[in-house]
Amino acid sequence: MKIAYTIILVILTLLAAFSGIAKLLLVPQEVDFFGRYGFSNIVIIAFGAVQLIGGILLILGTTRFVGAALVAITFLVSLVLLLVDGNILMSAVTLVMTILLIVIMRRSWKGASTV
């Protein structure tokens, strides 16, 4: 179980980091998608910064809960927008990733065993 937890943690960390970097760099697909819902470039950059910071905080056991919470919040925002957009496949993937982040939060809450 510890190996599975570690693999999930690495995947979520990389996903948060790459997702945040894409927004920080204002990748056209990100700008187009979030722009449809009123996100300015500054807001997209701030959103990406939160995702990247959350991904970095996921690395250490002492900051893992906060990192997972930050990334989960950004993923929930994305999930709502994806559902409004009608993108069911990406909505499902985002929902699964958010659930996994909640599992990470639960395991790392108040000194629970972490990897």
Protein backbone atom coordinates (compact mmCIF):
# COMPACT_ATOMS: atom_id res chain seq x y z
CA MET A 1 0.00 0.00 0.00
CA LYS A 2 2.91 2.32 0.73
CA ILE A 3 4.21 1.93 -2.82
CA ALA A 4 0.78 2.73 -4.31
CA TYR A 5 0.51 5.80 -2.07
CA THR A 6 3.95 6.98 -3.17
CA ILE A 7 3.12 6.47 -6.86
CA ILE A 8 -0.16 8.38 -6.49
CA LEU A 9 1.65 11.16 -4.62
CA VAL A 10 4.29 11.48 -7.34
CA ILE A 11 1.64 11.55 -10.09
CA LEU A 12 -0.41 14.20 -8.30
CA THR A 13 2.67 16.29 -7.57
CA LEU A 14 3.78 16.22 -11.20
CA LEU A 15 0.25 16.88 -12.45
CA ALA A 16 -0.12 19.91 -10.17
CA ALA A 17 3.31 21.24 -11.12
CA PHE A 18 2.87 20.82 -14.88
CA SER A 19 -0.67 22.17 -14.77
CA GLY A 20 0.52 25.20 -12.82
CA ILE A 21 3.45 25.81 -15.15
CA ALA A 22 1.15 25.67 -18.20
CA LYS A 23 -0.95 28.44 -16.67
CA LEU A 24 2.07 30.49 -15.61
CA LEU A 25 3.34 30.32 -19.20
CA LEU A 26 -0.11 31.24 -20.51
CA VAL A 27 -0.29 28.24 -22.82
CA PRO A 28 -2.91 29.14 -25.47
CA GLN A 29 -5.22 26.22 -24.65
CA GLU A 30 -5.30 27.31 -21.00
CA VAL A 31 -5.94 30.95 -21.92
CA ASP A 32 -8.71 29.97 -24.36
CA PHE A 33 -10.42 27.63 -21.91
CA PHE A 34 -10.28 29.85 -18.81
CA GLY A 35 -10.84 33.00 -20.87
CA ARG A 36 -14.25 31.67 -21.92
CA TYR A 37 -15.26 31.90 -18.26
CA GLY A 38 -13.94 35.38 -17.60
CA PHE A 39 -10.47 34.56 -16.30
CA SER A 40 -7.99 37.30 -17.20
CA ASN A 41 -4.34 36.47 -17.84
CA ILE A 42 -3.46 37.72 -14.35
CA VAL A 43 -6.05 35.43 -12.77
CA ILE A 44 -4.84 32.48 -14.86
CA ILE A 45 -1.26 33.15 -13.72
CA ALA A 46 -2.37 33.38 -10.08
CA PHE A 47 -4.35 30.15 -10.49
CA GLY A 48 -1.26 28.47 -11.94
CA ALA A 49 0.92 29.80 -9.12
CA VAL A 50 -1.43 28.26 -6.56
CA GLN A 51 -1.29 24.93 -8.39
CA LEU A 52 2.51 25.01 -8.61
CA ILE A 53 2.92 26.01 -4.96
CA GLY A 54 0.46 23.28 -3.97
CA GLY A 55 2.44 20.75 -5.99
CA ILE A 56 5.66 21.80 -4.29
CA LEU A 57 4.03 21.59 -0.85
CA LEU A 58 2.89 18.03 -1.63
CA ILE A 59 6.52 16.91 -1.56
CA LEU A 60 7.16 17.33 2.17
CA GLY A 61 5.16 15.44 4.77
CA THR A 62 4.87 18.52 6.98
CA THR A 63 3.24 20.62 4.23
CA ARG A 64 1.45 17.84 2.36
CA PHE A 65 -2.01 18.54 3.76
CA VAL A 66 -1.90 22.21 2.76
CA GLY A 67 -0.47 21.36 -0.66
CA ALA A 68 -3.15 18.76 -1.33
CA ALA A 69 -5.86 21.19 -0.19
CA LEU A 70 -4.60 23.96 -2.49
CA VAL A 71 -4.40 21.65 -5.50
CA ALA A 72 -7.79 20.09 -4.70
CA ILE A 73 -9.41 23.54 -4.62
CA THR A 74 -7.94 24.45 -8.01
CA PHE A 75 -8.98 21.07 -9.44
CA LEU A 76 -12.53 21.59 -8.13
CA VAL A 77 -12.70 24.96 -9.89
CA SER A 78 -11.45 23.31 -13.08
CA LEU A 79 -13.95 20.47 -12.61
CA VAL A 80 -16.87 22.88 -12.45
CA LEU A 81 -15.68 24.68 -15.59
CA LEU A 82 -15.11 21.39 -17.43
CA LEU A 83 -18.64 20.26 -16.55
CA VAL A 84 -20.09 23.56 -17.76
CA ASP A 85 -18.02 23.14 -20.93
CA GLY A 86 -19.48 19.65 -21.41
CA ASN A 87 -16.11 17.89 -21.35
CA ILE A 88 -17.16 14.71 -19.58
CA LEU A 89 -13.92 12.75 -20.05
CA MET A 90 -11.68 15.45 -18.57
CA SER A 91 -14.29 16.06 -15.86
CA ALA A 92 -14.08 12.39 -14.85
CA VAL A 93 -10.27 12.46 -14.79
CA THR A 94 -10.26 15.68 -12.75
CA LEU A 95 -12.80 14.22 -10.32
CA VAL A 96 -10.65 11.12 -9.78
CA MET A 97 -7.55 13.27 -9.20
CA THR A 98 -9.49 15.43 -6.73
CA ILE A 99 -10.66 12.34 -4.83
CA LEU A 100 -7.06 11.11 -4.67
CA LEU A 101 -6.01 14.51 -3.30
CA ILE A 102 -8.65 14.17 -0.60
CA VAL A 103 -7.20 10.75 0.28
CA ILE A 104 -3.75 12.38 0.55
CA MET A 105 -5.23 15.10 2.77
CA ARG A 106 -6.87 12.52 5.02
CA ARG A 107 -3.66 10.51 5.40
CA SER A 108 -1.56 13.56 6.13
CA TRP A 109 -3.96 15.22 8.60
CA LYS A 110 -2.52 15.73 12.11
CA GLY A 111 0.53 13.56 11.76
CA ALA A 112 -1.11 10.51 10.25
CA SER A 113 1.45 8.20 8.69
CA THR A 114 2.96 9.80 5.61
CA VAL A 115 5.56 8.68 3.15
